[in-house]
């Protein structure tokens, strides 16, 4: 008897199971990890340098410019966080796929991966390295080196 946690949703029960080739899962995991390590992570330093380009401190009296630069900085910081997050999330997915492939590589064709095993592999936060995001200086803040912008 299949445990309830490994059964498909009730509305999907008549559709059959999902089959996966463990060899291809291992190949997917390896290629995805290699893609992150060779073609994504090395470019992060260049992106960081471009994003750290200093912006001049805006004139206090030009309120619209101050607000624009602050909104620009918030958007830029969110973008940098996402760019750095993709590295960790993609590496995490590759590691989880590799974990499931390793666990089931010696099983016969009629064995099936349990949903719990896949969920555990995806939930393990320590499986993929994540680097810190770059903290960009706010051109309207006190850390800009020129003093904070004082709004009228």
N, C-alpha and C. Protein backbone atom coordinates (compact mmCIF):
# COMPACT_ATOMS: atom_id res chain seq x y z
N UNK A 1 0.84 -1.18 0.00
CA UNK A 1 0.00 0.00 0.00
C UNK A 1 0.89 1.24 0.00
N UNK A 2 0.61 2.19 -0.86
CA UNK A 2 1.39 3.43 -0.95
C UNK A 2 0.90 4.39 0.13
N UNK A 3 1.84 4.96 0.90
CA UNK A 3 1.43 5.92 1.93
C UNK A 3 0.73 7.12 1.31
N UNK A 4 -0.16 7.72 2.05
CA UNK A 4 -0.96 8.85 1.56
C UNK A 4 -0.07 10.00 1.09
N UNK A 5 1.05 10.24 1.77
CA UNK A 5 1.93 11.35 1.40
C UNK A 5 2.58 11.15 0.03
N UNK A 6 2.66 9.91 -0.43
CA UNK A 6 3.27 9.63 -1.73
C UNK A 6 2.25 9.46 -2.85
N UNK A 7 0.98 9.56 -2.51
CA UNK A 7 -0.06 9.47 -3.53
C UNK A 7 -0.26 10.82 -4.19
N UNK A 8 -0.67 10.82 -5.45
CA UNK A 8 -0.95 12.11 -6.10
C UNK A 8 -2.20 12.76 -5.50
N UNK A 9 -2.38 14.02 -5.81
CA UNK A 9 -3.58 14.73 -5.34
C UNK A 9 -4.82 13.99 -5.83
N UNK A 10 -5.90 14.11 -5.06
CA UNK A 10 -7.11 13.34 -5.38
C UNK A 10 -7.63 13.62 -6.78
N UNK A 11 -7.52 14.84 -7.24
CA UNK A 11 -8.01 15.18 -8.58
C UNK A 11 -7.07 14.67 -9.68
N UNK A 12 -5.87 14.18 -9.31
CA UNK A 12 -4.92 13.66 -10.28
C UNK A 12 -4.80 12.14 -10.25
N UNK A 13 -5.50 11.50 -9.37
CA UNK A 13 -5.27 10.07 -9.14
C UNK A 13 -5.53 9.19 -10.35
N UNK A 14 -6.35 9.59 -11.26
CA UNK A 14 -6.62 8.78 -12.44
C UNK A 14 -5.61 8.96 -13.55
N UNK A 15 -4.66 9.89 -13.41
CA UNK A 15 -3.74 10.21 -14.48
C UNK A 15 -2.47 9.37 -14.49
N UNK A 16 -2.21 8.61 -13.47
CA UNK A 16 -1.00 7.78 -13.43
C UNK A 16 0.15 8.52 -12.77
N UNK A 17 1.30 7.90 -12.80
CA UNK A 17 2.47 8.46 -12.11
C UNK A 17 3.34 9.29 -13.04
N UNK A 18 4.29 9.94 -12.44
CA UNK A 18 5.28 10.70 -13.18
C UNK A 18 6.56 9.88 -13.18
N UNK A 19 7.11 9.64 -14.34
CA UNK A 19 8.31 8.83 -14.43
C UNK A 19 9.51 9.73 -14.71
N UNK A 20 10.61 9.40 -14.09
CA UNK A 20 11.85 10.15 -14.30
C UNK A 20 13.00 9.17 -14.47
N UNK A 21 13.86 9.48 -15.40
CA UNK A 21 15.05 8.68 -15.62
C UNK A 21 16.13 9.19 -14.67
N UNK A 22 16.56 8.35 -13.75
CA UNK A 22 17.52 8.77 -12.73
C UNK A 22 18.85 9.17 -13.37
N UNK A 23 19.27 8.49 -14.42
CA UNK A 23 20.51 8.87 -15.12
C UNK A 23 20.40 10.29 -15.66
N UNK A 24 19.26 10.58 -16.24
CA UNK A 24 19.06 11.93 -16.78
C UNK A 24 18.95 12.96 -15.65
N UNK A 25 18.41 12.57 -14.52
CA UNK A 25 18.33 13.47 -13.38
C UNK A 25 19.75 13.79 -12.90
N UNK A 26 20.61 12.79 -12.83
CA UNK A 26 22.01 13.00 -12.44
C UNK A 26 22.70 13.90 -13.45
N UNK A 27 22.46 13.65 -14.74
CA UNK A 27 23.06 14.48 -15.79
C UNK A 27 22.56 15.92 -15.70
N UNK A 28 21.27 16.09 -15.45
CA UNK A 28 20.69 17.43 -15.28
C UNK A 28 21.35 18.14 -14.11
N UNK A 29 21.49 17.45 -12.98
CA UNK A 29 22.09 18.05 -11.79
C UNK A 29 23.53 18.49 -12.07
N UNK A 30 24.30 17.63 -12.72
CA UNK A 30 25.70 17.94 -13.02
C UNK A 30 25.82 19.12 -13.98
N UNK A 31 25.00 19.12 -15.02
CA UNK A 31 25.07 20.21 -16.01
C UNK A 31 24.61 21.54 -15.42
N UNK A 32 23.58 21.49 -14.60
CA UNK A 32 23.08 22.72 -13.97
C UNK A 32 24.12 23.29 -13.01
N UNK A 33 24.74 22.44 -12.22
CA UNK A 33 25.78 22.89 -11.29
C UNK A 33 26.98 23.45 -12.06
N UNK A 34 27.37 22.79 -13.13
CA UNK A 34 28.48 23.27 -13.95
C UNK A 34 28.16 24.62 -14.58
N UNK A 35 26.93 24.78 -15.02
CA UNK A 35 26.51 26.05 -15.61
C UNK A 35 26.63 27.19 -14.60
N UNK A 36 26.19 26.94 -13.38
CA UNK A 36 26.29 27.96 -12.33
C UNK A 36 27.75 28.28 -12.03
N UNK A 37 28.56 27.24 -11.87
CA UNK A 37 29.95 27.44 -11.48
C UNK A 37 30.82 28.04 -12.59
N UNK A 38 30.58 27.66 -13.84
CA UNK A 38 31.44 28.11 -14.93
C UNK A 38 30.93 29.36 -15.63
N UNK A 39 29.62 29.47 -15.79
CA UNK A 39 29.10 30.54 -16.64
C UNK A 39 28.29 31.60 -15.91
N UNK A 40 28.04 31.42 -14.64
CA UNK A 40 27.25 32.42 -13.91
C UNK A 40 28.06 33.06 -12.79
N UNK A 41 28.55 32.26 -11.88
CA UNK A 41 29.27 32.79 -10.71
C UNK A 41 30.48 33.66 -11.08
N UNK A 42 31.29 33.30 -12.08
CA UNK A 42 32.45 34.14 -12.40
C UNK A 42 32.09 35.56 -12.84
N UNK A 43 30.89 35.75 -13.34
CA UNK A 43 30.49 37.07 -13.83
C UNK A 43 29.92 37.96 -12.72
N UNK A 44 29.68 37.42 -11.56
CA UNK A 44 29.10 38.22 -10.48
C UNK A 44 30.01 39.36 -10.06
N UNK A 45 31.31 39.16 -10.07
CA UNK A 45 32.21 40.24 -9.67
C UNK A 45 32.14 41.41 -10.66
N UNK A 46 31.98 41.11 -11.95
CA UNK A 46 31.86 42.18 -12.95
C UNK A 46 30.55 42.94 -12.75
N UNK A 47 29.50 42.21 -12.45
CA UNK A 47 28.22 42.85 -12.19
C UNK A 47 28.32 43.74 -10.96
N UNK A 48 29.00 43.25 -9.93
CA UNK A 48 29.15 44.03 -8.70
C UNK A 48 29.90 45.33 -8.97
N UNK A 49 30.96 45.25 -9.76
CA UNK A 49 31.72 46.47 -10.08
C UNK A 49 30.86 47.48 -10.83
N UNK A 50 30.08 47.00 -11.79
CA UNK A 50 29.21 47.90 -12.54
C UNK A 50 28.15 48.54 -11.65
N UNK A 51 27.60 47.73 -10.76
CA UNK A 51 26.52 48.23 -9.90
C UNK A 51 27.02 49.18 -8.81
N UNK A 52 28.32 49.10 -8.48
CA UNK A 52 28.88 49.95 -7.42
C UNK A 52 29.33 51.31 -7.94
N UNK A 53 29.12 51.58 -9.19
CA UNK A 53 29.54 52.87 -9.74
C UNK A 53 28.93 53.99 -8.90
N UNK A 54 29.76 54.90 -8.40
CA UNK A 54 29.24 55.95 -7.52
C UNK A 54 28.37 56.94 -8.27
N UNK A 55 27.33 57.35 -7.61
CA UNK A 55 26.45 58.38 -8.15
C UNK A 55 26.70 59.66 -7.34
N UNK A 56 26.62 60.80 -7.98
CA UNK A 56 26.84 62.04 -7.22
C UNK A 56 25.69 62.28 -6.23
N UNK A 57 26.05 62.92 -5.14
CA UNK A 57 25.04 63.29 -4.16
C UNK A 57 24.16 64.37 -4.78
N UNK A 58 22.85 64.17 -4.82
CA UNK A 58 21.99 65.16 -5.48
C UNK A 58 21.87 66.44 -4.65
N UNK A 59 21.52 67.50 -5.32
CA UNK A 59 21.30 68.78 -4.63
C UNK A 59 20.06 68.65 -3.76
N UNK A 60 20.18 69.12 -2.51
CA UNK A 60 19.07 69.01 -1.56
C UNK A 60 17.80 69.70 -2.05
N UNK A 61 17.96 70.79 -2.76
CA UNK A 61 16.79 71.56 -3.18
C UNK A 61 16.03 70.87 -4.32
N UNK A 62 16.65 69.95 -5.01
CA UNK A 62 16.01 69.26 -6.14
C UNK A 62 15.35 67.99 -5.59
N UNK A 63 14.22 68.16 -4.94
CA UNK A 63 13.54 67.08 -4.21
C UNK A 63 13.19 65.91 -5.13
N UNK A 64 12.74 66.20 -6.32
CA UNK A 64 12.38 65.14 -7.25
C UNK A 64 13.58 64.26 -7.58
N UNK A 65 14.74 64.89 -7.77
CA UNK A 65 15.95 64.13 -8.07
C UNK A 65 16.35 63.27 -6.87
N UNK A 66 16.23 63.81 -5.69
CA UNK A 66 16.55 63.06 -4.48
C UNK A 66 15.66 61.82 -4.39
N UNK A 67 14.36 62.00 -4.60
CA UNK A 67 13.42 60.88 -4.54
C UNK A 67 13.69 59.87 -5.66
N UNK A 68 14.00 60.37 -6.85
CA UNK A 68 14.31 59.48 -7.96
C UNK A 68 15.55 58.65 -7.65
N UNK A 69 16.62 59.29 -7.17
CA UNK A 69 17.85 58.56 -6.89
C UNK A 69 17.65 57.54 -5.76
N UNK A 70 16.83 57.88 -4.79
CA UNK A 70 16.57 56.92 -3.71
C UNK A 70 15.77 55.72 -4.26
N UNK A 71 14.76 55.99 -5.08
CA UNK A 71 13.98 54.90 -5.69
C UNK A 71 14.87 54.07 -6.61
N UNK A 72 15.76 54.72 -7.35
CA UNK A 72 16.70 54.01 -8.22
C UNK A 72 17.59 53.10 -7.39
N UNK A 73 18.11 53.60 -6.28
CA UNK A 73 18.97 52.80 -5.40
C UNK A 73 18.20 51.59 -4.85
N UNK A 74 16.95 51.79 -4.40
CA UNK A 74 16.16 50.66 -3.88
C UNK A 74 15.96 49.59 -4.95
N UNK A 75 15.65 50.01 -6.17
CA UNK A 75 15.46 49.06 -7.27
C UNK A 75 16.76 48.36 -7.62
N UNK A 76 17.83 49.11 -7.64
CA UNK A 76 19.15 48.55 -7.96
C UNK A 76 19.56 47.53 -6.89
N UNK A 77 19.32 47.83 -5.62
CA UNK A 77 19.68 46.90 -4.54
C UNK A 77 18.84 45.63 -4.64
N UNK A 78 17.54 45.78 -4.94
CA UNK A 78 16.68 44.60 -5.10
C UNK A 78 17.14 43.75 -6.29
N UNK A 79 17.58 44.39 -7.36
CA UNK A 79 18.09 43.66 -8.53
C UNK A 79 19.35 42.88 -8.18
N UNK A 80 20.27 43.52 -7.47
CA UNK A 80 21.50 42.85 -7.06
C UNK A 80 21.19 41.65 -6.18
N UNK A 81 20.25 41.83 -5.25
CA UNK A 81 19.87 40.72 -4.37
C UNK A 81 19.32 39.55 -5.18
N UNK A 82 18.52 39.83 -6.19
CA UNK A 82 17.97 38.77 -7.03
C UNK A 82 19.05 38.08 -7.85
N UNK A 83 19.96 38.86 -8.41
CA UNK A 83 21.04 38.28 -9.21
C UNK A 83 21.88 37.34 -8.35
N UNK A 84 22.18 37.74 -7.11
CA UNK A 84 22.95 36.87 -6.23
C UNK A 84 22.11 35.69 -5.77
N UNK A 85 20.81 35.89 -5.60
CA UNK A 85 19.93 34.81 -5.17
C UNK A 85 19.79 33.71 -6.20
N UNK A 86 19.84 34.06 -7.48
CA UNK A 86 19.71 33.05 -8.54
C UNK A 86 20.84 32.04 -8.43
N UNK A 87 22.03 32.50 -8.11
CA UNK A 87 23.17 31.59 -7.98
C UNK A 87 22.89 30.54 -6.91
N UNK A 88 22.48 30.97 -5.76
CA UNK A 88 22.22 30.03 -4.67
C UNK A 88 21.03 29.13 -4.95
N UNK A 89 19.96 29.70 -5.49
CA UNK A 89 18.76 28.91 -5.75
C UNK A 89 19.00 27.87 -6.85
N UNK A 90 19.73 28.25 -7.88
CA UNK A 90 20.03 27.30 -8.96
C UNK A 90 20.96 26.21 -8.48
N UNK A 91 21.96 26.61 -7.70
CA UNK A 91 22.86 25.61 -7.13
C UNK A 91 22.12 24.68 -6.18
N UNK A 92 21.16 25.23 -5.45
CA UNK A 92 20.36 24.42 -4.52
C UNK A 92 19.53 23.40 -5.30
N UNK A 93 18.92 23.82 -6.39
CA UNK A 93 18.13 22.91 -7.22
C UNK A 93 19.00 21.80 -7.80
N UNK A 94 20.20 22.17 -8.26
CA UNK A 94 21.11 21.16 -8.81
C UNK A 94 21.53 20.17 -7.74
N UNK A 95 21.81 20.66 -6.54
CA UNK A 95 22.22 19.77 -5.46
C UNK A 95 21.08 18.86 -5.04
N UNK A 96 19.86 19.39 -4.98
CA UNK A 96 18.70 18.57 -4.61
C UNK A 96 18.47 17.48 -5.66
N UNK A 97 18.57 17.83 -6.93
CA UNK A 97 18.40 16.82 -7.99
C UNK A 97 19.49 15.76 -7.88
N UNK A 98 20.71 16.18 -7.58
CA UNK A 98 21.80 15.23 -7.40
C UNK A 98 21.58 14.32 -6.21
N UNK A 99 21.04 14.86 -5.13
CA UNK A 99 20.76 14.07 -3.93
C UNK A 99 19.74 12.98 -4.23
N UNK A 100 18.66 13.34 -4.91
CA UNK A 100 17.62 12.36 -5.27
C UNK A 100 18.20 11.32 -6.24
N UNK A 101 18.99 11.77 -7.21
CA UNK A 101 19.60 10.84 -8.17
C UNK A 101 20.54 9.87 -7.46
N UNK A 102 21.33 10.37 -6.52
CA UNK A 102 22.25 9.50 -5.78
C UNK A 102 21.48 8.46 -4.97
N UNK A 103 20.40 8.89 -4.36
CA UNK A 103 19.65 7.99 -3.50
C UNK A 103 19.01 6.85 -4.29
N UNK A 104 18.57 7.12 -5.50
CA UNK A 104 17.83 6.12 -6.29
C UNK A 104 18.62 5.55 -7.46
N UNK A 105 19.91 5.82 -7.55
CA UNK A 105 20.67 5.34 -8.71
C UNK A 105 20.76 3.82 -8.78
N UNK A 106 20.73 3.14 -7.66
CA UNK A 106 20.84 1.68 -7.68
C UNK A 106 19.50 0.97 -7.57
N UNK A 107 18.41 1.70 -7.63
CA UNK A 107 17.10 1.05 -7.49
C UNK A 107 16.66 0.48 -8.83
N UNK A 108 15.72 -0.45 -8.76
CA UNK A 108 15.24 -1.06 -10.00
C UNK A 108 14.22 -0.15 -10.68
N UNK A 109 13.82 -0.54 -11.86
CA UNK A 109 12.95 0.30 -12.68
C UNK A 109 11.57 0.49 -12.07
N UNK A 110 11.18 -0.35 -11.14
CA UNK A 110 9.84 -0.23 -10.57
C UNK A 110 9.82 0.53 -9.25
N UNK A 111 10.98 0.92 -8.77
CA UNK A 111 11.01 1.72 -7.55
C UNK A 111 10.68 3.16 -7.90
N UNK A 112 10.14 3.84 -6.95
CA UNK A 112 9.82 5.25 -7.22
C UNK A 112 10.32 6.10 -6.07
N UNK A 113 10.78 7.27 -6.41
CA UNK A 113 11.22 8.22 -5.39
C UNK A 113 10.00 8.67 -4.60
N UNK A 114 10.19 8.73 -3.31
CA UNK A 114 9.09 9.19 -2.47
C UNK A 114 9.05 10.71 -2.47
N UNK A 115 7.86 11.24 -2.40
CA UNK A 115 7.67 12.69 -2.39
C UNK A 115 8.44 13.30 -1.23
N UNK A 116 8.45 12.63 -0.10
CA UNK A 116 9.15 13.13 1.08
C UNK A 116 10.64 13.29 0.80
N UNK A 117 11.24 12.36 0.05
CA UNK A 117 12.66 12.46 -0.27
C UNK A 117 12.96 13.70 -1.11
N UNK A 118 12.11 13.96 -2.08
CA UNK A 118 12.29 15.13 -2.93
C UNK A 118 12.09 16.41 -2.11
N UNK A 119 11.06 16.43 -1.27
CA UNK A 119 10.81 17.61 -0.44
C UNK A 119 11.97 17.86 0.52
N UNK A 120 12.51 16.79 1.11
CA UNK A 120 13.65 16.96 2.02
C UNK A 120 14.87 17.50 1.28
N UNK A 121 15.12 16.99 0.08
CA UNK A 121 16.27 17.46 -0.69
C UNK A 121 16.12 18.94 -1.04
N UNK A 122 14.92 19.35 -1.38
CA UNK A 122 14.69 20.76 -1.72
C UNK A 122 14.66 21.65 -0.48
N UNK A 123 14.29 21.10 0.67
CA UNK A 123 14.17 21.91 1.89
C UNK A 123 15.50 22.07 2.61
N UNK A 124 16.50 21.29 2.27
CA UNK A 124 17.78 21.36 2.97
C UNK A 124 18.50 22.65 2.60
N UNK A 125 18.57 23.62 3.51
CA UNK A 125 19.15 24.92 3.16
C UNK A 125 20.67 24.91 3.07
N UNK A 126 21.31 23.90 3.60
CA UNK A 126 22.76 23.90 3.63
C UNK A 126 23.41 23.19 2.46
N UNK A 127 22.68 22.84 1.43
CA UNK A 127 23.26 22.05 0.36
C UNK A 127 23.93 22.87 -0.73
N UNK A 128 23.62 24.14 -0.85
CA UNK A 128 24.21 24.93 -1.92
C UNK A 128 24.86 26.19 -1.34
N UNK A 129 26.05 26.52 -1.80
CA UNK A 129 26.68 27.72 -1.29
C UNK A 129 26.00 28.97 -1.83
N UNK A 130 25.82 29.92 -0.98
CA UNK A 130 25.28 31.20 -1.42
C UNK A 130 26.22 32.29 -0.95
N UNK A 131 26.61 33.12 -1.85
CA UNK A 131 27.48 34.22 -1.50
C UNK A 131 26.67 35.42 -1.06
N UNK A 132 27.29 36.30 -0.31
CA UNK A 132 26.57 37.48 0.13
C UNK A 132 26.29 38.41 -1.05
N UNK A 133 25.20 39.06 -0.99
CA UNK A 133 24.86 40.03 -2.00
C UNK A 133 25.73 41.28 -1.79
N UNK A 134 25.82 42.10 -2.78
CA UNK A 134 26.56 43.35 -2.68
C UNK A 134 25.65 44.41 -2.07
N UNK A 135 26.17 45.15 -1.12
CA UNK A 135 25.40 46.25 -0.54
C UNK A 135 25.83 47.52 -1.24
N UNK A 136 24.89 48.14 -1.90
CA UNK A 136 25.17 49.35 -2.67
C UNK A 136 24.94 50.58 -1.80
N UNK A 137 25.79 51.59 -1.92
CA UNK A 137 25.60 52.80 -1.12
C UNK A 137 24.42 53.62 -1.65
N UNK A 138 23.63 54.12 -0.76
CA UNK A 138 22.50 54.97 -1.12
C UNK A 138 23.02 56.38 -1.38
N UNK A 139 22.88 56.91 -2.61
CA UNK A 139 23.42 58.24 -2.90
C UNK A 139 22.72 59.34 -2.11
N UNK A 140 21.60 59.06 -1.51
CA UNK A 140 20.89 60.07 -0.72
C UNK A 140 21.07 59.84 0.77
N UNK A 141 21.86 58.86 1.15
CA UNK A 141 22.02 58.53 2.56
C UNK A 141 23.33 59.04 3.13
N UNK A 142 23.51 58.88 4.45
CA UNK A 142 24.72 59.39 5.11
C UNK A 142 25.98 58.62 4.72
N UNK A 143 25.86 57.38 4.23
CA UNK A 143 27.03 56.61 3.87
C UNK A 143 27.56 56.96 2.49
N UNK A 144 26.99 57.96 1.82
CA UNK A 144 27.43 58.32 0.48
C UNK A 144 28.79 59.01 0.48
N UNK A 145 29.32 59.36 1.64
CA UNK A 145 30.63 59.98 1.73
C UNK A 145 30.57 61.49 1.67
N UNK A 146 29.45 62.03 1.28
CA UNK A 146 29.32 63.48 1.15
C UNK A 146 28.31 64.03 2.16
N UNK A 147 27.88 63.21 3.07
CA UNK A 147 26.86 63.63 4.04
C UNK A 147 25.49 63.35 3.51
N UNK A 148 24.51 63.26 4.40
CA UNK A 148 23.16 62.95 3.97
C UNK A 148 22.53 64.12 3.22
N UNK A 149 21.61 63.77 2.37
CA UNK A 149 20.84 64.80 1.67
C UNK A 149 19.76 65.27 2.64
N UNK A 150 19.64 66.54 2.79
CA UNK A 150 18.65 67.11 3.71
C UNK A 150 17.50 67.65 2.87
N UNK A 151 16.36 67.03 3.03
CA UNK A 151 15.20 67.49 2.27
C UNK A 151 14.64 68.76 2.90
N UNK A 152 14.23 69.73 2.08
CA UNK A 152 13.68 70.98 2.61
C UNK A 152 12.34 70.75 3.29
